[in-house]
Amino acid sequence: MSEQKPNLVDVEDLWVKFPTRTGMFDAVRGVSFSLNKERLGIVGESGSGKSMTGRALLRLIRRPGIVEAKQMSNYPATPT
């Protein structure tokens, strides 16, 4: 029996928010996905949060942006 390796990326219930004068703006709302060695394409309309999802995963959201997730894990691609 082969040992099951952890996913390379696990994201559960990802939210990206920005404060505005009128309240909070939700740029990404509740996105979840897992990746092992497959490829993922994110498709959506302009302004739907595709870039913000990628930036949050890479931890590139600057203040005052807020990134929240139940789980957001990146594992090394090579064994340790």
N, C-alpha and C. Protein backbone atom coordinates (compact mmCIF):
# COMPACT_ATOMS: atom_id res chain seq x y z
N MET A 1 0.85 -1.18 0.00
CA MET A 1 0.00 0.00 0.00
C MET A 1 0.89 1.24 0.00
N SER A 2 0.63 2.18 -0.89
CA SER A 2 1.45 3.39 -0.98
C SER A 2 1.00 4.43 0.05
N GLU A 3 1.98 5.19 0.51
CA GLU A 3 1.70 6.24 1.49
C GLU A 3 1.09 7.44 0.79
N GLN A 4 -0.02 7.95 1.32
CA GLN A 4 -0.67 9.10 0.71
C GLN A 4 0.06 10.37 1.12
N LYS A 5 0.48 11.15 0.13
CA LYS A 5 1.20 12.39 0.39
C LYS A 5 0.20 13.52 0.62
N PRO A 6 0.57 14.51 1.43
CA PRO A 6 -0.34 15.65 1.63
C PRO A 6 -0.45 16.47 0.35
N ASN A 7 -1.54 17.17 0.23
CA ASN A 7 -1.71 18.07 -0.91
C ASN A 7 -0.64 19.14 -0.87
N LEU A 8 -0.29 19.66 -2.04
CA LEU A 8 0.68 20.75 -2.11
C LEU A 8 0.06 22.05 -1.62
N VAL A 9 -1.24 22.21 -1.88
CA VAL A 9 -1.96 23.41 -1.46
C VAL A 9 -3.34 23.00 -0.97
N ASP A 10 -3.72 23.52 0.18
CA ASP A 10 -5.07 23.33 0.73
C ASP A 10 -5.60 24.69 1.14
N VAL A 11 -6.75 25.04 0.58
CA VAL A 11 -7.40 26.32 0.93
C VAL A 11 -8.84 26.00 1.28
N GLU A 12 -9.29 26.46 2.44
CA GLU A 12 -10.67 26.23 2.86
C GLU A 12 -11.27 27.54 3.37
N ASP A 13 -12.37 27.93 2.76
CA ASP A 13 -13.16 29.09 3.16
C ASP A 13 -12.31 30.37 3.21
N LEU A 14 -11.66 30.68 2.09
CA LEU A 14 -10.81 31.87 1.97
C LEU A 14 -11.66 33.11 1.73
N TRP A 15 -11.38 34.15 2.52
CA TRP A 15 -12.02 35.46 2.37
C TRP A 15 -10.93 36.51 2.29
N VAL A 16 -11.05 37.45 1.37
CA VAL A 16 -10.17 38.62 1.29
C VAL A 16 -11.07 39.84 1.39
N LYS A 17 -10.77 40.71 2.35
CA LYS A 17 -11.62 41.87 2.62
C LYS A 17 -10.78 43.14 2.65
N PHE A 18 -11.43 44.24 2.27
CA PHE A 18 -10.80 45.55 2.32
C PHE A 18 -11.76 46.54 2.97
N PRO A 19 -11.27 47.30 3.95
CA PRO A 19 -12.14 48.31 4.57
C PRO A 19 -12.33 49.49 3.62
N THR A 20 -13.54 50.01 3.57
CA THR A 20 -13.85 51.20 2.79
C THR A 20 -14.56 52.19 3.72
N ARG A 21 -14.84 53.36 3.21
CA ARG A 21 -15.55 54.36 4.02
C ARG A 21 -16.96 53.92 4.38
N THR A 22 -17.54 53.07 3.55
CA THR A 22 -18.92 52.63 3.78
C THR A 22 -19.03 51.24 4.40
N GLY A 23 -17.89 50.63 4.75
CA GLY A 23 -17.91 49.29 5.35
C GLY A 23 -16.87 48.40 4.70
N MET A 24 -17.00 47.10 4.92
CA MET A 24 -16.05 46.14 4.37
C MET A 24 -16.46 45.71 2.97
N PHE A 25 -15.47 45.62 2.08
CA PHE A 25 -15.68 45.11 0.73
C PHE A 25 -15.08 43.71 0.66
N ASP A 26 -15.91 42.71 0.32
CA ASP A 26 -15.46 41.33 0.19
C ASP A 26 -14.96 41.09 -1.23
N ALA A 27 -13.64 41.04 -1.40
CA ALA A 27 -13.06 40.80 -2.73
C ALA A 27 -13.11 39.32 -3.10
N VAL A 28 -12.98 38.44 -2.10
CA VAL A 28 -13.07 36.99 -2.29
C VAL A 28 -13.96 36.46 -1.18
N ARG A 29 -14.92 35.60 -1.53
CA ARG A 29 -15.89 35.11 -0.55
C ARG A 29 -15.95 33.59 -0.52
N GLY A 30 -15.34 32.98 0.49
CA GLY A 30 -15.53 31.56 0.77
C GLY A 30 -14.98 30.59 -0.25
N VAL A 31 -13.82 30.85 -0.82
CA VAL A 31 -13.23 29.97 -1.84
C VAL A 31 -12.51 28.81 -1.15
N SER A 32 -12.70 27.60 -1.68
CA SER A 32 -12.03 26.40 -1.17
C SER A 32 -11.53 25.56 -2.33
N PHE A 33 -10.31 25.02 -2.20
CA PHE A 33 -9.78 24.07 -3.18
C PHE A 33 -8.56 23.38 -2.60
N SER A 34 -8.21 22.23 -3.18
CA SER A 34 -7.01 21.47 -2.82
C SER A 34 -6.30 21.09 -4.11
N LEU A 35 -4.97 21.14 -4.07
CA LEU A 35 -4.17 20.77 -5.23
C LEU A 35 -3.07 19.82 -4.82
N ASN A 36 -2.86 18.81 -5.65
CA ASN A 36 -1.70 17.95 -5.46
C ASN A 36 -0.77 18.22 -6.62
N LYS A 37 -0.74 17.37 -7.62
CA LYS A 37 0.12 17.62 -8.78
C LYS A 37 -0.67 18.04 -10.01
N GLU A 38 -1.98 18.17 -9.87
CA GLU A 38 -2.79 18.59 -11.00
C GLU A 38 -2.69 20.11 -11.19
N ARG A 39 -3.32 20.58 -12.22
CA ARG A 39 -3.35 22.01 -12.52
C ARG A 39 -4.74 22.55 -12.21
N LEU A 40 -4.78 23.81 -11.83
CA LEU A 40 -6.05 24.46 -11.53
C LEU A 40 -6.15 25.72 -12.36
N GLY A 41 -7.25 25.87 -13.03
CA GLY A 41 -7.55 27.10 -13.75
C GLY A 41 -8.69 27.81 -13.04
N ILE A 42 -8.50 29.08 -12.76
CA ILE A 42 -9.55 29.87 -12.12
C ILE A 42 -10.16 30.75 -13.19
N VAL A 43 -11.45 30.58 -13.42
CA VAL A 43 -12.14 31.29 -14.48
C VAL A 43 -13.26 32.11 -13.86
N GLY A 44 -13.44 33.33 -14.35
CA GLY A 44 -14.52 34.16 -13.86
C GLY A 44 -14.54 35.50 -14.56
N GLU A 45 -15.58 36.24 -14.30
CA GLU A 45 -15.73 37.56 -14.90
C GLU A 45 -14.69 38.52 -14.34
N SER A 46 -14.51 39.61 -15.02
CA SER A 46 -13.62 40.66 -14.54
C SER A 46 -14.11 41.14 -13.18
N GLY A 47 -13.19 41.24 -12.22
CA GLY A 47 -13.56 41.70 -10.89
C GLY A 47 -14.13 40.63 -9.98
N SER A 48 -14.04 39.36 -10.39
CA SER A 48 -14.64 38.29 -9.58
C SER A 48 -13.71 37.74 -8.49
N GLY A 49 -12.46 38.22 -8.42
CA GLY A 49 -11.57 37.81 -7.34
C GLY A 49 -10.49 36.81 -7.71
N LYS A 50 -10.30 36.55 -9.00
CA LYS A 50 -9.28 35.58 -9.42
C LYS A 50 -7.89 36.00 -8.97
N SER A 51 -7.51 37.22 -9.27
CA SER A 51 -6.17 37.70 -8.90
C SER A 51 -6.01 37.81 -7.39
N MET A 52 -7.04 38.24 -6.70
CA MET A 52 -6.96 38.36 -5.24
C MET A 52 -6.81 36.98 -4.59
N THR A 53 -7.40 35.95 -5.17
CA THR A 53 -7.24 34.59 -4.66
C THR A 53 -5.78 34.17 -4.77
N GLY A 54 -5.18 34.40 -5.93
CA GLY A 54 -3.76 34.07 -6.12
C GLY A 54 -2.86 34.87 -5.22
N ARG A 55 -3.13 36.17 -5.09
CA ARG A 55 -2.31 37.02 -4.24
C ARG A 55 -2.42 36.60 -2.77
N ALA A 56 -3.61 36.21 -2.33
CA ALA A 56 -3.79 35.75 -0.95
C ALA A 56 -3.00 34.46 -0.71
N LEU A 57 -3.05 33.55 -1.67
CA LEU A 57 -2.32 32.29 -1.55
C LEU A 57 -0.82 32.53 -1.44
N LEU A 58 -0.31 33.52 -2.18
CA LEU A 58 1.11 33.85 -2.14
C LEU A 58 1.45 34.83 -1.02
N ARG A 59 0.45 35.20 -0.24
CA ARG A 59 0.60 36.14 0.88
C ARG A 59 1.12 37.50 0.42
N LEU A 60 0.51 38.00 -0.63
CA LEU A 60 0.89 39.29 -1.21
C LEU A 60 -0.15 40.38 -0.97
N ILE A 61 -1.16 40.11 -0.18
CA ILE A 61 -2.17 41.12 0.13
C ILE A 61 -1.58 42.08 1.16
N ARG A 62 -1.52 43.34 0.79
CA ARG A 62 -0.96 44.35 1.69
C ARG A 62 -2.04 44.93 2.59
N ARG A 63 -1.61 45.51 3.70
CA ARG A 63 -2.53 46.23 4.58
C ARG A 63 -3.12 47.39 3.82
N PRO A 64 -4.33 47.73 4.00
CA PRO A 64 -5.23 47.30 5.06
C PRO A 64 -6.04 46.05 4.72
N GLY A 65 -5.65 45.35 3.65
CA GLY A 65 -6.37 44.13 3.28
C GLY A 65 -6.33 43.08 4.37
N ILE A 66 -7.39 42.30 4.47
CA ILE A 66 -7.52 41.26 5.50
C ILE A 66 -7.74 39.93 4.79
N VAL A 67 -6.91 38.94 5.12
CA VAL A 67 -7.05 37.59 4.58
C VAL A 67 -7.44 36.68 5.72
N GLU A 68 -8.55 35.96 5.55
CA GLU A 68 -9.03 35.01 6.54
C GLU A 68 -9.33 33.69 5.84
N ALA A 69 -9.02 32.58 6.51
CA ALA A 69 -9.33 31.26 5.98
C ALA A 69 -9.36 30.26 7.12
N LYS A 70 -10.24 29.26 7.01
CA LYS A 70 -10.23 28.18 7.99
C LYS A 70 -8.92 27.42 7.88
N GLN A 71 -8.44 27.27 6.63
CA GLN A 71 -7.17 26.60 6.39
C GLN A 71 -6.57 27.15 5.11
N MET A 72 -5.27 27.44 5.15
CA MET A 72 -4.54 27.86 3.95
C MET A 72 -3.11 27.38 4.13
N SER A 73 -2.79 26.23 3.52
CA SER A 73 -1.50 25.59 3.70
C SER A 73 -0.80 25.39 2.38
N ASN A 74 0.49 25.68 2.35
CA ASN A 74 1.35 25.39 1.21
C ASN A 74 2.43 24.44 1.73
N TYR A 75 2.56 23.29 1.10
CA TYR A 75 3.56 22.32 1.52
C TYR A 75 4.71 22.34 0.51
N PRO A 76 5.92 21.99 0.94
CA PRO A 76 7.04 21.93 -0.01
C PRO A 76 6.81 20.86 -1.05
N ALA A 77 7.26 21.12 -2.27
CA ALA A 77 7.06 20.17 -3.36
C ALA A 77 8.06 19.01 -3.27
N THR A 78 9.12 19.18 -2.51
CA THR A 78 10.11 18.12 -2.40
C THR A 78 10.03 17.50 -1.01
N PRO A 79 10.31 16.22 -0.89
CA PRO A 79 10.25 15.57 0.43
C PRO A 79 11.31 16.14 1.37
N THR A 80 10.99 16.15 2.67
CA THR A 80 11.95 16.64 3.65
C THR A 80 12.59 15.51 4.41
